[in-house]
Amino acid sequence: MTGENRWALPGLVLLGLALRVYGAARAGLTFDESIVWAFAREIHLRPVLHLVSRTADHPLLNAYLARASSVAFGESDLGLRVLHACLGSATIAVVYGLGKRLWDWRAGLVAAGLLAVDPFHVSWSRLIIEETPLLLCEALALWLVWRGLTRGRAADFATAGLCVGLAYLAKETALLLLPALAVALLLEARGRRALRTPGPWLGLLAALVLVGLDVAWSLGRGPEAHWRRALGILARPPGLTLKGTSLYLGELYRHLFGPDVLDSDYADGSAYATAWPLGLLYLAAVVAALRRWREADRFLVVIFFFVFITVTLIDGRRLFDPFWWASLSFLSAVLLLGGMGAPLCERVRSGAPLLIVALIALALYDFSWLGRAGARAPRLTRQEWAARVAADGEQRRLRGDLETARDQARQALLLDADNASARALLARVR
């Protein structure tokens, strides 16, 4: 890695796109995707304008992305997913730019290579899942905040705030970025100086405007809202869990504790957590950054640990479940491993060729499991899904699982607020 190759980044983006499009073409429509499509299919401009305010238990952005992809590429399973695959591949380029700005082009290239072939990001960004726009917007926000610290321009912070707001519109967990970034700024002299200027406050205002508009719109659409569900999860008793590490070591947990340990909906052969040997490297890079404690390291480590500790303590009744919150820690770990790996490639003989071989091996591994089609969920309307979920909740109630029955009733009402069966079920299990 003696000089920057102008074809390296385009090659990684194309590799990432090929993996994601191939996986999008092969995989069956998952339950969550079918729920998103049930909302997205209702978006129309003609003959009468009809919009949606959310996608069941998350904000609205994912439904509009799925609808845009269906208009541009057709309503096949692949057509619904193409836009998400492109956005996931675009994240590779943004991560490269962020790594280059934090350290140098070598670190950016290593981080981009890792993201291109990482099983977690490949598996989620090939589907109509919220993590794709969430992580793209997070990467843009981090890049803009760091650029704002470097250039001292208020516009960078304001645009970063818009990106956080857009990330929230993809998934409400993005709000964790606001306190995480605030702590990161407070720990740096440049950050503290920036907080005495309008820039970060304009960014906060921009983010909160988008959040406020979403909440206001959802309040006018009925008693059930996605943010009420999120607040309900936050209100549950805290406790130490493995959710923080499950994103990185989840496949190892599956081997040790059984195939359904992460989420039974995704136990059909798809790798929804990252490969655990790579996950160990991510965690090792975080620990190494604590020892170096350079400015760029601190910026990422603070964000990583703010998210990591939060997800470890939230909802103590569930030991696992890496995807609900922990995905926001992922990009920090990827970048820190890129920042650690690039100098090693320079110092170790044949370091760069070994890195290339490792990335190719990971890409081949991805192709091996992406070829499996997996289960295929039916394409149902919101009302049909609500009826199914309510019926499942009733069966859980009869078996004595009142807590799950209550969750199923509320999920059914998120899908269809007028579902009488779900309302009756919720009244019986309260």
Protein backbone atom coordinates (compact mmCIF):
# COMPACT_ATOMS: atom_id res chain seq x y z
CA MET A 1 0.00 0.00 0.00
CA THR A 2 2.62 2.48 -1.07
CA GLY A 3 0.30 4.77 -3.01
CA GLU A 4 -3.43 5.27 -3.32
CA ASN A 5 -4.92 3.27 -6.17
CA ARG A 6 -7.75 5.19 -7.80
CA TRP A 7 -9.49 1.94 -8.75
CA ALA A 8 -9.44 0.40 -5.26
CA LEU A 9 -12.50 2.18 -3.87
CA PRO A 10 -14.67 1.75 -7.02
CA GLY A 11 -13.68 -1.92 -7.01
CA LEU A 12 -14.78 -2.34 -3.39
CA VAL A 13 -18.07 -0.54 -4.02
CA LEU A 14 -18.77 -2.75 -7.05
CA LEU A 15 -17.87 -5.87 -5.07
CA GLY A 16 -20.18 -4.77 -2.28
CA LEU A 17 -22.97 -4.03 -4.75
CA ALA A 18 -22.53 -7.41 -6.46
CA LEU A 19 -22.81 -9.24 -3.14
CA ARG A 20 -25.87 -7.31 -2.09
CA VAL A 21 -27.72 -7.57 -5.40
CA TYR A 22 -26.93 -11.29 -5.63
CA GLY A 23 -28.26 -11.80 -2.11
CA ALA A 24 -31.30 -9.65 -2.84
CA ALA A 25 -32.09 -11.78 -5.89
CA ARG A 26 -31.72 -15.07 -4.01
CA ALA A 27 -33.36 -14.48 -0.63
CA GLY A 28 -37.03 -15.01 0.00
CA LEU A 29 -39.08 -12.09 1.30
CA THR A 30 -38.75 -12.05 5.10
CA PHE A 31 -41.54 -11.37 7.57
CA ASP A 32 -40.23 -7.88 8.36
CA GLU A 33 -39.89 -7.02 4.66
CA SER A 34 -43.43 -8.12 3.95
CA ILE A 35 -44.64 -5.87 6.77
CA VAL A 36 -42.73 -2.92 5.26
CA TRP A 37 -44.20 -3.65 1.83
CA ALA A 38 -47.70 -3.83 3.33
CA PHE A 39 -47.30 -0.14 4.21
CA ALA A 40 -45.28 0.86 1.14
CA ARG A 41 -47.83 -0.55 -1.31
CA GLU A 42 -50.42 1.90 0.07
CA ILE A 43 -48.37 4.95 -1.04
CA HIS A 44 -49.95 6.44 -4.17
CA LEU A 45 -49.84 9.75 -6.02
CA ARG A 46 -52.77 8.99 -8.35
CA PRO A 47 -55.72 8.94 -8.60
CA VAL A 48 -55.78 10.25 -5.03
CA LEU A 49 -52.71 11.12 -2.98
CA HIS A 50 -52.23 8.62 -0.16
CA LEU A 51 -49.21 8.65 2.16
CA VAL A 52 -48.22 6.57 5.16
CA SER A 53 -46.80 7.88 8.43
CA ARG A 54 -44.72 4.86 9.50
CA THR A 55 -43.76 1.25 8.81
CA ALA A 56 -45.47 -0.63 11.64
CA ASP A 57 -43.05 -0.28 14.57
CA HIS A 58 -40.56 2.13 12.94
CA PRO A 59 -40.77 5.59 11.29
CA LEU A 60 -41.73 6.19 7.70
CA LEU A 61 -38.53 6.37 5.61
CA ASN A 62 -38.21 2.67 4.86
CA ALA A 63 -41.69 2.47 3.33
CA TYR A 64 -40.93 5.32 0.93
CA LEU A 65 -37.59 3.78 -0.07
CA ALA A 66 -39.29 0.46 -0.80
CA ARG A 67 -42.00 2.23 -2.80
CA ALA A 68 -39.42 4.21 -4.79
CA SER A 69 -37.51 1.01 -5.54
CA SER A 70 -40.69 -0.72 -6.70
CA VAL A 71 -41.51 2.16 -9.05
CA ALA A 72 -37.99 2.21 -10.50
CA PHE A 73 -37.21 -1.53 -10.61
CA GLY A 74 -40.52 -3.37 -10.39
CA GLU A 75 -42.40 -5.18 -7.65
CA SER A 76 -40.45 -8.44 -7.67
CA ASP A 77 -38.54 -9.32 -4.51
CA LEU A 78 -35.37 -8.06 -6.19
CA GLY A 79 -37.07 -4.91 -7.47
CA LEU A 80 -38.19 -3.95 -3.97
CA ARG A 81 -34.63 -4.35 -2.67
CA VAL A 82 -32.44 -2.75 -5.33
CA LEU A 83 -32.48 0.73 -3.79
CA HIS A 84 -31.48 -0.64 -0.38
CA ALA A 85 -28.63 -2.61 -1.97
CA CYS A 86 -27.42 0.60 -3.64
CA LEU A 87 -27.65 2.57 -0.40
CA GLY A 88 -25.73 -0.16 1.42
CA SER A 89 -23.01 0.01 -1.23
CA ALA A 90 -22.92 3.81 -1.02
CA THR A 91 -22.14 3.45 2.69
CA ILE A 92 -18.85 1.80 1.67
CA ALA A 93 -17.75 5.00 -0.08
CA VAL A 94 -18.83 7.20 2.85
CA VAL A 95 -16.91 5.01 5.32
CA TYR A 96 -13.84 5.32 3.11
CA GLY A 97 -14.15 9.11 3.15
CA LEU A 98 -14.59 9.15 6.92
CA GLY A 99 -11.62 6.85 7.53
CA LYS A 100 -9.48 8.97 5.22
CA ARG A 101 -10.45 12.14 7.07
CA LEU A 102 -9.91 10.55 10.51
CA TRP A 103 -6.53 8.99 9.66
CA ASP A 104 -5.45 8.52 6.03
CA TRP A 105 -6.50 6.86 2.80
CA ARG A 106 -5.06 3.51 3.90
CA ALA A 107 -7.32 3.36 6.95
CA GLY A 108 -10.28 4.45 4.82
CA LEU A 109 -9.59 1.73 2.30
CA VAL A 110 -9.28 -1.00 4.93
CA ALA A 111 -12.52 0.11 6.61
CA ALA A 112 -14.30 0.26 3.24
CA GLY A 113 -13.05 -3.23 2.40
CA LEU A 114 -14.31 -4.59 5.71
CA LEU A 115 -17.73 -3.03 5.23
CA ALA A 116 -17.97 -4.32 1.66
CA VAL A 117 -17.75 -7.96 2.76
CA ASP A 118 -18.87 -7.94 6.39
CA PRO A 119 -21.60 -10.60 6.75
CA PHE A 120 -23.77 -8.46 9.02
CA HIS A 121 -23.85 -5.47 6.71
CA VAL A 122 -24.13 -7.58 3.55
CA SER A 123 -27.04 -9.60 4.92
CA TRP A 124 -29.02 -6.61 6.15
CA SER A 125 -28.35 -4.16 3.32
CA ARG A 126 -29.59 -6.62 0.68
CA LEU A 127 -33.07 -6.51 2.28
CA ILE A 128 -35.76 -3.89 2.92
CA ILE A 129 -34.50 -3.43 6.47
CA GLU A 130 -34.11 -0.18 8.41
CA GLU A 131 -30.40 -0.72 9.14
CA THR A 132 -29.45 0.17 5.55
CA PRO A 133 -30.54 3.85 5.55
CA LEU A 134 -29.83 4.08 9.29
CA LEU A 135 -26.13 3.23 8.91
CA LEU A 136 -25.71 5.32 5.76
CA CYS A 137 -27.12 8.38 7.53
CA GLU A 138 -25.00 7.65 10.61
CA ALA A 139 -21.84 7.47 8.49
CA LEU A 140 -22.72 10.78 6.84
CA ALA A 141 -23.43 12.39 10.22
CA LEU A 142 -20.09 11.25 11.68
CA TRP A 143 -18.23 12.45 8.59
CA LEU A 144 -19.91 15.86 8.73
CA VAL A 145 -19.35 16.34 12.47
CA TRP A 146 -15.65 15.50 12.10
CA ARG A 147 -15.42 17.86 9.11
CA GLY A 148 -17.14 20.52 11.18
CA LEU A 149 -14.54 20.10 13.92
CA THR A 150 -11.79 20.41 11.31
CA ARG A 151 -13.16 23.36 9.36
CA GLY A 152 -15.19 25.09 12.05
CA ARG A 153 -18.16 25.69 9.75
CA ALA A 154 -21.68 25.76 11.15
CA ALA A 155 -23.09 24.34 7.91
CA ASP A 156 -21.29 21.02 8.51
CA PHE A 157 -22.89 20.60 11.93
CA ALA A 158 -26.31 21.64 10.63
CA THR A 159 -26.13 19.13 7.79
CA ALA A 160 -24.96 16.46 10.25
CA GLY A 161 -28.09 17.18 12.29
CA LEU A 162 -30.25 16.67 9.21
CA CYS A 163 -28.52 13.32 8.67
CA VAL A 164 -29.28 12.29 12.26
CA GLY A 165 -32.89 13.32 11.67
CA LEU A 166 -33.03 11.22 8.51
CA ALA A 167 -31.46 8.33 10.40
CA TYR A 168 -34.27 8.68 12.96
CA LEU A 169 -36.83 8.55 10.15
CA ALA A 170 -35.31 5.19 9.24
CA LYS A 171 -35.16 3.87 12.80
CA GLU A 172 -35.83 5.63 16.08
CA THR A 173 -32.69 4.18 17.69
CA ALA A 174 -30.77 6.92 15.82
CA LEU A 175 -31.65 9.29 18.67
CA LEU A 176 -28.83 7.60 20.62
CA LEU A 177 -26.46 9.49 18.32
CA LEU A 178 -27.42 12.85 19.82
CA PRO A 179 -26.15 12.22 23.37
CA ALA A 180 -23.26 10.11 22.05
CA LEU A 181 -22.04 12.94 19.82
CA ALA A 182 -22.53 15.46 22.64
CA VAL A 183 -20.26 13.42 24.93
CA ALA A 184 -17.71 13.03 22.11
CA LEU A 185 -17.61 16.80 21.63
CA LEU A 186 -17.32 17.51 25.36
CA LEU A 187 -14.25 15.28 25.65
CA GLU A 188 -12.31 17.22 23.00
CA ALA A 189 -10.91 20.75 23.22
CA ARG A 190 -12.04 21.38 19.62
CA GLY A 191 -15.44 19.97 20.48
CA ARG A 192 -15.84 22.19 23.53
CA ARG A 193 -14.90 25.21 21.44
CA ALA A 194 -17.42 24.15 18.81
CA LEU A 195 -20.16 23.92 21.45
CA ARG A 196 -19.65 27.63 22.13
CA THR A 197 -20.59 28.35 18.49
CA PRO A 198 -23.99 28.07 16.76
CA GLY A 199 -23.01 25.05 14.62
CA PRO A 200 -23.74 22.08 16.93
CA TRP A 201 -26.90 23.73 18.22
CA LEU A 202 -28.15 24.27 14.68
CA GLY A 203 -27.45 20.59 14.07
CA LEU A 204 -29.44 19.61 17.16
CA LEU A 205 -32.30 21.85 16.05
CA ALA A 206 -32.29 20.33 12.54
CA ALA A 207 -32.46 16.81 13.97
CA LEU A 208 -35.23 17.64 16.43
CA VAL A 209 -37.32 19.37 13.75
CA LEU A 210 -37.48 16.11 11.76
CA VAL A 211 -38.19 14.11 14.91
CA GLY A 212 -40.91 16.55 15.95
CA LEU A 213 -42.58 16.44 12.53
CA ASP A 214 -42.63 12.64 12.63
CA VAL A 215 -44.08 12.52 16.15
CA ALA A 216 -46.69 15.16 15.31
CA TRP A 217 -47.80 13.30 12.19
CA SER A 218 -47.99 9.95 13.97
CA LEU A 219 -50.05 11.50 16.81
CA GLY A 220 -52.69 12.40 14.27
CA ARG A 221 -52.90 8.88 12.85
CA GLY A 222 -54.42 6.99 15.77
CA PRO A 223 -53.59 5.85 19.30
CA GLU A 224 -50.89 3.34 18.29
CA ALA A 225 -47.51 4.75 17.22
CA HIS A 226 -44.04 3.32 16.71
CA TRP A 227 -42.44 5.64 19.25
CA ARG A 228 -44.88 4.48 21.93
CA ARG A 229 -43.55 0.95 21.40
CA ALA A 230 -39.97 2.19 21.73
CA LEU A 231 -40.84 4.02 24.96
CA GLY A 232 -42.44 0.82 26.25
CA ILE A 233 -39.20 -1.07 25.66
CA LEU A 234 -37.20 1.64 27.43
CA ALA A 235 -39.59 1.42 30.40
CA ARG A 236 -38.90 -2.26 30.96
CA PRO A 237 -36.58 -3.19 33.86
CA PRO A 238 -32.90 -2.83 32.92
CA GLY A 239 -30.27 -5.50 33.51
CA LEU A 240 -27.01 -6.88 32.20
CA THR A 241 -27.45 -8.66 28.87
CA LEU A 242 -25.35 -9.91 25.96
CA LYS A 243 -27.09 -7.65 23.45
CA GLY A 244 -24.05 -5.39 23.10
CA THR A 245 -21.78 -8.28 22.11
CA SER A 246 -24.38 -10.27 20.14
CA LEU A 247 -23.83 -8.19 17.02
CA TYR A 248 -20.16 -9.21 17.02
CA LEU A 249 -20.23 -12.69 18.61
CA GLY A 250 -23.79 -13.74 17.84
CA GLU A 251 -22.82 -16.56 15.48
CA LEU A 252 -20.63 -17.98 18.26
CA TYR A 253 -23.58 -17.75 20.64
CA ARG A 254 -25.67 -19.65 18.12
CA HIS A 255 -23.13 -22.48 18.15
CA LEU A 256 -23.02 -22.51 21.96
CA PHE A 257 -26.66 -21.94 22.88
CA GLY A 258 -28.71 -23.00 19.87
CA PRO A 259 -29.80 -21.67 16.47
CA ASP A 260 -32.64 -19.48 17.76
CA VAL A 261 -30.58 -17.57 20.30
CA LEU A 262 -30.53 -14.31 18.30
CA ASP A 263 -33.93 -14.25 16.66
CA SER A 264 -35.99 -17.22 15.55
CA ASP A 265 -37.26 -15.25 12.54
CA TYR A 266 -33.73 -15.29 11.10
CA ALA A 267 -32.61 -18.86 11.82
CA ASP A 268 -33.05 -20.03 8.20
CA GLY A 269 -29.39 -20.02 7.15
CA SER A 270 -28.82 -16.27 6.73
CA ALA A 271 -25.94 -14.67 8.64
CA TYR A 272 -27.55 -11.77 10.43
CA ALA A 273 -24.72 -11.24 12.90
CA THR A 274 -21.17 -10.70 11.73
CA ALA A 275 -18.83 -13.71 11.56
CA TRP A 276 -17.57 -14.08 15.13
CA PRO A 277 -13.81 -14.24 14.32
CA LEU A 278 -14.22 -10.89 12.57
CA GLY A 279 -16.35 -9.71 15.47
CA LEU A 280 -13.50 -10.49 17.86
CA LEU A 281 -11.21 -8.34 15.71
CA TYR A 282 -13.71 -5.47 15.89
CA LEU A 283 -13.81 -5.68 19.68
CA ALA A 284 -10.00 -5.96 19.82
CA ALA A 285 -9.73 -2.79 17.73
CA VAL A 286 -11.95 -0.96 20.22
CA VAL A 287 -9.74 -2.10 23.11
CA ALA A 288 -6.61 -1.08 21.18
CA ALA A 289 -8.11 2.37 20.58
CA LEU A 290 -8.56 2.77 24.33
CA ARG A 291 -4.82 2.26 24.74
CA ARG A 292 -3.84 4.66 21.90
CA TRP A 293 -6.46 7.25 22.87
CA ARG A 294 -5.76 9.54 19.94
CA GLU A 295 -8.28 12.19 19.00
CA ALA A 296 -9.86 10.20 16.17
CA ASP A 297 -9.91 7.08 18.35
CA ARG A 298 -11.66 8.92 21.18
CA PHE A 299 -14.30 10.29 18.82
CA LEU A 300 -15.28 6.79 17.68
CA VAL A 301 -14.75 4.99 21.00
CA VAL A 302 -17.14 7.34 22.82
CA ILE A 303 -19.88 6.67 20.27
CA PHE A 304 -19.19 2.92 20.35
CA PHE A 305 -19.35 2.63 24.13
CA PHE A 306 -22.32 4.94 24.56
CA VAL A 307 -24.35 2.66 22.28
CA PHE A 308 -22.74 -0.55 23.56
CA ILE A 309 -23.42 0.16 27.24
CA THR A 310 -26.95 1.37 26.53
CA VAL A 311 -27.93 -1.76 24.63
CA THR A 312 -26.28 -3.97 27.25
CA LEU A 313 -28.55 -2.53 29.96
CA ILE A 314 -31.84 -1.96 28.10
CA ASP A 315 -34.65 -4.51 28.48
CA GLY A 316 -32.99 -6.92 30.90
CA ARG A 317 -35.55 -9.66 30.26
CA ARG A 318 -34.02 -10.36 26.82
CA LEU A 319 -30.50 -11.71 27.02
CA PHE A 320 -29.82 -11.43 23.28
CA ASP A 321 -31.25 -9.39 20.36
CA PRO A 322 -28.36 -7.53 18.74
CA PHE A 323 -30.18 -5.63 16.01
CA TRP A 324 -32.74 -3.50 17.85
CA TRP A 325 -30.15 -1.05 19.21
CA ALA A 326 -26.56 -2.26 18.78
CA SER A 327 -26.17 -1.66 15.04
CA LEU A 328 -25.27 1.99 15.75
CA SER A 329 -22.01 0.80 17.34
CA PHE A 330 -21.02 -1.14 14.23
CA LEU A 331 -19.52 1.59 12.04
CA SER A 332 -17.30 2.81 14.86
CA ALA A 333 -15.90 -0.70 15.26
CA VAL A 334 -15.32 -1.07 11.51
CA LEU A 335 -13.50 2.26 11.32
CA LEU A 336 -11.37 1.51 14.39
CA LEU A 337 -10.30 -1.82 12.88
CA GLY A 338 -9.48 0.03 9.66
CA GLY A 339 -7.43 2.56 11.62
CA MET A 340 -5.57 -0.27 13.37
CA GLY A 341 -5.17 -2.50 10.34
CA ALA A 342 -3.74 0.03 7.89
CA PRO A 343 -0.44 0.62 9.79
CA LEU A 344 -0.04 -3.13 10.28
CA CYS A 345 -0.27 -3.60 6.52
CA GLU A 346 2.55 -1.09 6.16
CA ARG A 347 4.82 -2.57 8.84
CA VAL A 348 4.25 -6.29 8.25
CA ARG A 349 5.85 -7.86 5.19
CA SER A 350 3.17 -8.96 2.71
CA GLY A 351 0.59 -7.23 4.92
CA ALA A 352 -1.34 -5.68 2.04
CA PRO A 353 -1.53 -8.93 -0.01
CA LEU A 354 -2.68 -10.81 3.09
CA LEU A 355 -5.42 -8.23 3.62
CA ILE A 356 -6.56 -8.62 0.02
CA VAL A 357 -6.63 -12.41 0.41
CA ALA A 358 -8.67 -12.07 3.61
CA LEU A 359 -11.22 -9.79 1.92
CA ILE A 360 -11.53 -12.18 -1.03
CA ALA A 361 -12.02 -15.11 1.37
CA LEU A 362 -14.78 -13.20 3.17
CA ALA A 363 -16.42 -12.34 -0.15
CA LEU A 364 -16.40 -16.03 -1.17
CA TYR A 365 -17.85 -16.92 2.23
CA ASP A 366 -20.62 -14.39 1.63
CA PHE A 367 -21.42 -15.85 -1.78
CA SER A 368 -21.68 -19.31 -0.18
CA TRP A 369 -24.52 -18.39 2.19
CA LEU A 370 -26.14 -15.72 0.03
CA GLY A 371 -27.02 -18.43 -2.48
CA ARG A 372 -29.51 -20.03 -0.08
CA ALA A 373 -33.03 -18.80 -0.72
CA GLY A 374 -34.37 -19.34 2.83
CA ALA A 375 -38.00 -18.99 3.89
CA ARG A 376 -40.43 -16.78 1.99
CA ALA A 377 -43.08 -14.73 3.77
CA PRO A 378 -46.37 -14.08 1.96
CA ARG A 379 -47.24 -10.64 0.67
CA LEU A 380 -50.22 -9.63 2.76
CA THR A 381 -51.99 -6.36 3.42
CA ARG A 382 -51.66 -4.63 6.77
CA GLN A 383 -55.09 -5.89 7.74
CA GLU A 384 -54.23 -9.49 6.83
CA TRP A 385 -50.98 -9.34 8.79
CA ALA A 386 -52.82 -7.85 11.78
CA ALA A 387 -55.31 -10.72 11.74
CA ARG A 388 -52.48 -13.27 11.66
CA VAL A 389 -50.55 -11.62 14.46
CA ALA A 390 -53.66 -11.28 16.63
CA ALA A 391 -54.52 -14.95 16.09
CA ASP A 392 -50.99 -15.92 17.10
CA GLY A 393 -51.31 -13.75 20.19
CA GLU A 394 -54.55 -15.51 21.13
CA GLN A 395 -52.80 -18.88 20.89
CA ARG A 396 -50.03 -17.56 23.15
CA ARG A 397 -52.65 -16.42 25.67
CA LEU A 398 -54.28 -19.84 25.74
CA ARG A 399 -50.85 -21.39 26.44
CA GLY A 400 -50.38 -19.02 29.37
CA ASP A 401 -47.75 -16.75 27.76
CA LEU A 402 -49.51 -13.51 28.61
CA GLU A 403 -46.52 -11.22 28.07
CA THR A 404 -45.99 -12.39 24.48
CA ALA A 405 -49.74 -12.28 23.87
CA ARG A 406 -49.75 -8.65 25.01
CA ASP A 407 -46.87 -7.81 22.67
CA GLN A 408 -48.63 -9.55 19.76
CA ALA A 409 -51.85 -7.63 20.41
CA ARG A 410 -50.00 -4.32 20.36
CA GLN A 411 -48.09 -5.32 17.22
CA ALA A 412 -51.38 -6.18 15.50
CA LEU A 413 -52.78 -2.76 16.44
CA LEU A 414 -49.69 -1.09 14.97
CA LEU A 415 -50.56 -2.85 11.73
CA ASP A 416 -54.29 -2.16 11.90
CA ALA A 417 -55.67 0.08 14.63
CA ASP A 418 -59.22 -1.12 13.81
CA ASN A 419 -58.54 -4.83 14.37
CA ALA A 420 -61.26 -5.95 16.80
CA SER A 421 -59.55 -9.23 17.68
CA ALA A 422 -56.36 -7.45 18.71
CA ARG A 423 -58.30 -4.97 20.85
CA ALA A 424 -60.19 -7.77 22.58
CA LEU A 425 -56.98 -9.71 23.15
CA LEU A 426 -55.23 -6.66 24.63
CA ALA A 427 -58.15 -6.13 27.01
CA ARG A 428 -57.91 -9.75 28.21
CA VAL A 429 -54.16 -9.74 28.87
CA ARG A 430 -53.73 -6.31 30.46
